[in-house]
N, C-alpha and C. Protein backbone atom coordinates (compact mmCIF):
# COMPACT_ATOMS: atom_id res chain seq x y z
N MET A 1 -71.93 -45.49 11.64
CA MET A 1 -70.81 -46.02 10.88
C MET A 1 -69.73 -46.49 11.84
N MET A 2 -69.21 -47.70 11.63
CA MET A 2 -68.18 -48.24 12.49
C MET A 2 -66.81 -47.91 11.93
N THR A 3 -65.92 -47.56 12.80
CA THR A 3 -64.54 -47.31 12.38
C THR A 3 -63.67 -48.46 12.85
N GLY A 4 -62.50 -48.59 12.30
CA GLY A 4 -61.58 -49.66 12.70
C GLY A 4 -61.16 -49.53 14.15
N SER A 5 -60.93 -50.66 14.77
CA SER A 5 -60.56 -50.63 16.18
C SER A 5 -59.08 -50.86 16.42
N ILE A 6 -58.33 -51.09 15.36
CA ILE A 6 -56.89 -51.33 15.52
C ILE A 6 -56.17 -49.99 15.53
N ARG A 7 -55.44 -49.75 16.61
CA ARG A 7 -54.72 -48.49 16.74
C ARG A 7 -53.44 -48.53 15.93
N GLN A 8 -53.22 -47.50 15.19
CA GLN A 8 -51.99 -47.37 14.42
C GLN A 8 -51.21 -46.19 14.98
N ASP A 9 -50.53 -46.39 16.09
CA ASP A 9 -49.77 -45.31 16.69
C ASP A 9 -48.45 -45.84 17.24
N GLU A 10 -47.75 -44.99 17.95
CA GLU A 10 -46.42 -45.36 18.45
C GLU A 10 -46.45 -46.36 19.60
N PHE A 11 -47.64 -46.68 20.14
CA PHE A 11 -47.70 -47.53 21.31
C PHE A 11 -47.56 -49.01 20.99
N GLY A 12 -48.11 -49.49 19.91
CA GLY A 12 -48.00 -50.88 19.53
C GLY A 12 -48.73 -51.79 20.51
N SER A 13 -48.52 -53.09 20.35
CA SER A 13 -49.15 -54.07 21.22
C SER A 13 -48.45 -54.10 22.57
N PRO A 14 -49.08 -54.69 23.60
CA PRO A 14 -48.40 -54.79 24.89
C PRO A 14 -47.05 -55.48 24.80
N GLU A 15 -46.97 -56.52 23.96
CA GLU A 15 -45.70 -57.24 23.81
C GLU A 15 -44.60 -56.34 23.25
N GLN A 16 -44.98 -55.44 22.32
CA GLN A 16 -43.99 -54.54 21.73
C GLN A 16 -43.57 -53.45 22.70
N ARG A 17 -44.47 -53.06 23.61
CA ARG A 17 -44.17 -51.98 24.54
C ARG A 17 -43.39 -52.46 25.76
N MET A 18 -43.44 -53.74 26.08
CA MET A 18 -42.85 -54.24 27.31
C MET A 18 -41.39 -54.62 27.09
N PRO A 19 -40.46 -53.91 27.70
CA PRO A 19 -39.05 -54.24 27.51
C PRO A 19 -38.70 -55.60 28.07
N ALA A 20 -39.47 -56.10 29.05
CA ALA A 20 -39.17 -57.39 29.66
C ALA A 20 -39.78 -58.55 28.88
N TRP A 21 -40.59 -58.26 27.86
CA TRP A 21 -41.25 -59.33 27.11
C TRP A 21 -40.22 -60.21 26.44
N ASP A 22 -40.35 -61.51 26.68
CA ASP A 22 -39.45 -62.47 26.09
C ASP A 22 -40.25 -63.74 25.85
N GLY A 23 -41.28 -63.66 25.06
CA GLY A 23 -42.20 -64.76 24.86
C GLY A 23 -41.66 -65.89 24.00
N ASP A 24 -40.44 -65.77 23.49
CA ASP A 24 -39.92 -66.79 22.60
C ASP A 24 -39.20 -67.93 23.31
N HIS A 25 -38.90 -67.77 24.60
CA HIS A 25 -38.28 -68.89 25.29
C HIS A 25 -38.53 -68.83 26.79
N VAL A 26 -38.35 -69.95 27.43
CA VAL A 26 -38.53 -70.07 28.87
C VAL A 26 -37.16 -70.28 29.49
N HIS A 27 -36.85 -69.50 30.50
CA HIS A 27 -35.57 -69.66 31.19
C HIS A 27 -35.65 -70.85 32.12
N ASP A 28 -34.56 -71.57 32.26
CA ASP A 28 -34.54 -72.76 33.09
C ASP A 28 -33.73 -72.50 34.36
N THR A 29 -34.42 -72.51 35.51
CA THR A 29 -33.72 -72.42 36.78
C THR A 29 -34.31 -73.45 37.72
N ALA A 30 -33.54 -73.90 38.68
CA ALA A 30 -33.99 -74.95 39.59
C ALA A 30 -35.13 -74.50 40.49
N SER A 31 -35.11 -73.27 40.96
CA SER A 31 -36.09 -72.82 41.95
C SER A 31 -37.21 -72.00 41.33
N GLY A 32 -37.31 -71.99 40.03
CA GLY A 32 -38.30 -71.14 39.36
C GLY A 32 -37.55 -70.10 38.56
N GLU A 33 -38.26 -69.31 37.83
CA GLU A 33 -37.65 -68.32 36.97
C GLU A 33 -37.54 -67.00 37.71
N ALA A 34 -36.44 -66.31 37.53
CA ALA A 34 -36.25 -65.02 38.18
C ALA A 34 -35.98 -63.95 37.13
N ASP A 35 -36.49 -62.75 37.38
CA ASP A 35 -36.23 -61.65 36.46
C ASP A 35 -34.91 -60.99 36.85
N VAL A 36 -34.58 -59.87 36.21
CA VAL A 36 -33.30 -59.21 36.45
C VAL A 36 -33.16 -58.71 37.88
N ASP A 37 -34.27 -58.47 38.57
CA ASP A 37 -34.21 -58.03 39.96
C ASP A 37 -34.20 -59.20 40.94
N GLY A 38 -34.19 -60.43 40.43
CA GLY A 38 -34.18 -61.59 41.29
C GLY A 38 -35.55 -62.01 41.79
N GLU A 39 -36.62 -61.35 41.30
CA GLU A 39 -37.97 -61.70 41.72
C GLU A 39 -38.38 -63.03 41.10
N LEU A 40 -38.95 -63.91 41.90
CA LEU A 40 -39.41 -65.20 41.42
C LEU A 40 -40.60 -65.01 40.50
N LEU A 41 -40.54 -65.55 39.28
CA LEU A 41 -41.58 -65.34 38.29
C LEU A 41 -42.43 -66.57 38.04
N GLY A 42 -42.13 -67.68 38.65
CA GLY A 42 -42.97 -68.86 38.49
C GLY A 42 -42.19 -70.12 38.23
N VAL A 43 -42.84 -71.22 38.54
CA VAL A 43 -42.26 -72.54 38.32
C VAL A 43 -42.31 -72.85 36.83
N ASP A 44 -41.29 -73.52 36.34
CA ASP A 44 -41.27 -73.95 34.94
C ASP A 44 -42.55 -74.75 34.67
N PRO A 45 -43.34 -74.36 33.67
CA PRO A 45 -44.59 -75.06 33.40
C PRO A 45 -44.41 -76.55 33.14
N ALA A 46 -43.27 -76.96 32.60
CA ALA A 46 -43.03 -78.38 32.35
C ALA A 46 -42.97 -79.19 33.64
N GLU A 47 -42.69 -78.52 34.75
CA GLU A 47 -42.62 -79.20 36.04
C GLU A 47 -43.97 -79.30 36.74
N LEU A 48 -44.99 -78.63 36.22
CA LEU A 48 -46.32 -78.65 36.83
C LEU A 48 -47.11 -79.87 36.38
N GLY A 49 -47.86 -80.45 37.30
CA GLY A 49 -48.80 -81.50 36.92
C GLY A 49 -49.95 -80.88 36.16
N ASP A 50 -50.78 -81.72 35.53
CA ASP A 50 -51.89 -81.20 34.73
C ASP A 50 -52.84 -80.33 35.55
N GLU A 51 -53.20 -80.76 36.75
CA GLU A 51 -54.11 -79.97 37.59
C GLU A 51 -53.51 -78.61 37.95
N ASP A 52 -52.23 -78.60 38.29
CA ASP A 52 -51.56 -77.34 38.63
C ASP A 52 -51.45 -76.42 37.42
N LEU A 53 -51.18 -76.99 36.26
CA LEU A 53 -51.10 -76.20 35.03
C LEU A 53 -52.44 -75.52 34.74
N ILE A 54 -53.51 -76.29 34.83
CA ILE A 54 -54.85 -75.73 34.59
C ILE A 54 -55.18 -74.67 35.64
N ARG A 55 -54.85 -74.93 36.89
CA ARG A 55 -55.12 -73.96 37.95
C ARG A 55 -54.39 -72.65 37.71
N GLU A 56 -53.12 -72.73 37.30
CA GLU A 56 -52.33 -71.54 37.02
C GLU A 56 -52.91 -70.76 35.84
N MET A 57 -53.31 -71.47 34.79
CA MET A 57 -53.91 -70.78 33.63
C MET A 57 -55.23 -70.12 34.03
N HIS A 58 -56.02 -70.83 34.82
CA HIS A 58 -57.30 -70.28 35.28
C HIS A 58 -57.08 -68.99 36.06
N SER A 59 -56.09 -68.98 36.93
CA SER A 59 -55.79 -67.80 37.73
C SER A 59 -55.38 -66.62 36.84
N LEU A 60 -54.52 -66.86 35.86
CA LEU A 60 -54.10 -65.79 34.96
C LEU A 60 -55.25 -65.24 34.14
N HIS A 61 -56.09 -66.12 33.64
CA HIS A 61 -57.22 -65.65 32.83
C HIS A 61 -58.22 -64.88 33.69
N ARG A 62 -58.38 -65.27 34.94
CA ARG A 62 -59.30 -64.58 35.84
C ARG A 62 -58.83 -63.14 36.12
N THR A 63 -57.52 -62.93 36.15
CA THR A 63 -56.98 -61.61 36.47
C THR A 63 -56.57 -60.80 35.23
N ARG A 64 -56.81 -61.34 34.06
CA ARG A 64 -56.32 -60.74 32.82
C ARG A 64 -56.78 -59.29 32.60
N LEU A 65 -58.06 -59.05 32.65
CA LEU A 65 -58.56 -57.71 32.34
C LEU A 65 -58.06 -56.68 33.35
N ASP A 66 -58.07 -57.02 34.61
CA ASP A 66 -57.59 -56.10 35.63
C ASP A 66 -56.12 -55.77 35.43
N THR A 67 -55.32 -56.78 35.09
CA THR A 67 -53.90 -56.57 34.83
C THR A 67 -53.70 -55.68 33.61
N LEU A 68 -54.44 -55.97 32.56
CA LEU A 68 -54.32 -55.18 31.33
C LEU A 68 -54.69 -53.72 31.56
N ARG A 69 -55.74 -53.48 32.32
CA ARG A 69 -56.24 -52.12 32.51
C ARG A 69 -55.50 -51.33 33.57
N HIS A 70 -55.02 -52.00 34.62
CA HIS A 70 -54.57 -51.23 35.78
C HIS A 70 -53.16 -51.53 36.31
N ALA A 71 -52.52 -52.57 35.84
CA ALA A 71 -51.22 -52.94 36.40
C ALA A 71 -50.09 -52.14 35.76
N ALA A 72 -48.99 -52.09 36.46
CA ALA A 72 -47.77 -51.46 35.93
C ALA A 72 -47.30 -52.22 34.70
N ASP A 73 -46.53 -51.53 33.85
CA ASP A 73 -46.01 -52.18 32.64
C ASP A 73 -45.25 -53.46 32.95
N SER A 74 -44.46 -53.46 34.00
CA SER A 74 -43.68 -54.66 34.32
C SER A 74 -44.59 -55.81 34.73
N ALA A 75 -45.68 -55.52 35.44
CA ALA A 75 -46.63 -56.57 35.84
C ALA A 75 -47.34 -57.11 34.60
N LEU A 76 -47.70 -56.23 33.67
CA LEU A 76 -48.34 -56.69 32.44
C LEU A 76 -47.37 -57.55 31.63
N ALA A 77 -46.13 -57.15 31.56
CA ALA A 77 -45.13 -57.95 30.83
C ALA A 77 -44.99 -59.33 31.45
N ASN A 78 -44.94 -59.40 32.78
CA ASN A 78 -44.85 -60.70 33.45
C ASN A 78 -46.10 -61.53 33.20
N HIS A 79 -47.25 -60.90 33.20
CA HIS A 79 -48.51 -61.59 32.96
C HIS A 79 -48.53 -62.17 31.54
N LEU A 80 -48.12 -61.37 30.56
CA LEU A 80 -48.07 -61.83 29.17
C LEU A 80 -47.10 -63.00 29.02
N ARG A 81 -45.92 -62.86 29.62
CA ARG A 81 -44.90 -63.92 29.53
C ARG A 81 -45.40 -65.20 30.15
N ARG A 82 -45.96 -65.10 31.34
CA ARG A 82 -46.40 -66.30 32.06
C ARG A 82 -47.57 -66.97 31.34
N THR A 83 -48.49 -66.18 30.82
CA THR A 83 -49.61 -66.75 30.07
C THR A 83 -49.09 -67.51 28.86
N ALA A 84 -48.16 -66.93 28.13
CA ALA A 84 -47.58 -67.59 26.95
C ALA A 84 -46.89 -68.89 27.34
N GLU A 85 -46.13 -68.88 28.43
CA GLU A 85 -45.44 -70.09 28.88
C GLU A 85 -46.43 -71.20 29.21
N LEU A 86 -47.44 -70.87 30.01
CA LEU A 86 -48.39 -71.89 30.44
C LEU A 86 -49.23 -72.41 29.28
N GLU A 87 -49.68 -71.52 28.41
CA GLU A 87 -50.50 -71.96 27.28
C GLU A 87 -49.68 -72.78 26.28
N THR A 88 -48.43 -72.42 26.09
CA THR A 88 -47.55 -73.19 25.21
C THR A 88 -47.36 -74.60 25.76
N GLU A 89 -47.16 -74.71 27.07
CA GLU A 89 -47.01 -76.02 27.70
C GLU A 89 -48.29 -76.83 27.56
N TYR A 90 -49.44 -76.19 27.78
CA TYR A 90 -50.72 -76.90 27.65
C TYR A 90 -50.89 -77.45 26.23
N LEU A 91 -50.61 -76.63 25.22
CA LEU A 91 -50.75 -77.07 23.83
C LEU A 91 -49.76 -78.18 23.48
N ALA A 92 -48.57 -78.13 24.06
CA ALA A 92 -47.59 -79.20 23.82
C ALA A 92 -48.09 -80.53 24.41
N ARG A 93 -48.76 -80.46 25.55
CA ARG A 93 -49.29 -81.67 26.19
C ARG A 93 -50.56 -82.18 25.52
N HIS A 94 -51.31 -81.28 24.92
CA HIS A 94 -52.61 -81.63 24.35
C HIS A 94 -52.73 -81.16 22.90
N PRO A 95 -51.88 -81.69 22.01
CA PRO A 95 -51.91 -81.22 20.62
C PRO A 95 -53.23 -81.57 19.92
N GLY A 96 -53.89 -82.62 20.35
CA GLY A 96 -55.16 -83.02 19.75
C GLY A 96 -56.31 -82.68 20.66
N ARG A 97 -56.23 -81.50 21.30
CA ARG A 97 -57.24 -81.13 22.28
C ARG A 97 -58.64 -81.18 21.68
N GLU A 98 -59.60 -81.47 22.53
CA GLU A 98 -60.98 -81.58 22.09
C GLU A 98 -61.53 -80.20 21.72
N VAL A 99 -62.04 -80.09 20.51
CA VAL A 99 -62.61 -78.82 20.03
C VAL A 99 -64.12 -78.95 20.07
N ASP A 100 -64.78 -78.02 20.73
CA ASP A 100 -66.24 -78.00 20.83
C ASP A 100 -66.81 -77.60 19.48
N PRO A 101 -67.60 -78.47 18.84
CA PRO A 101 -68.16 -78.16 17.53
C PRO A 101 -68.99 -76.87 17.51
N SER A 102 -69.59 -76.51 18.64
CA SER A 102 -70.38 -75.28 18.67
C SER A 102 -69.51 -74.03 18.61
N ARG A 103 -68.19 -74.19 18.78
CA ARG A 103 -67.26 -73.05 18.72
C ARG A 103 -66.68 -72.85 17.33
N LEU A 104 -67.07 -73.72 16.39
CA LEU A 104 -66.56 -73.63 15.01
C LEU A 104 -67.46 -72.73 14.18
N ARG A 105 -66.86 -72.05 13.24
CA ARG A 105 -67.62 -71.21 12.31
C ARG A 105 -67.85 -72.00 11.03
N ASP A 106 -68.96 -71.68 10.36
CA ASP A 106 -69.23 -72.32 9.07
C ASP A 106 -68.23 -71.83 8.05
N ALA A 107 -67.74 -72.74 7.23
CA ALA A 107 -66.75 -72.39 6.22
C ALA A 107 -67.36 -71.71 5.02
């Protein structure tokens, strides 16, 4: 018998647990985005060319599981924020992106 996999406890999703999570907007700075400690968090995705945007997303997706399982909360929060920024920029540039028919489910 299978049980539900959604946890209903005080921990919530990573976004809810991360005090630094701010996925609703991108900060604008000339030299990149900095957190409260002044650490550089990345170039504004709007300033990246298409190849650089794809490369950055590829890098984040490649490190996703390791970050989720083993990184500090602040690193996970930065990873979540950066992934959201880059993917939002990609979708803004490619609103009619090509969808692979083999990835569709029957209605």
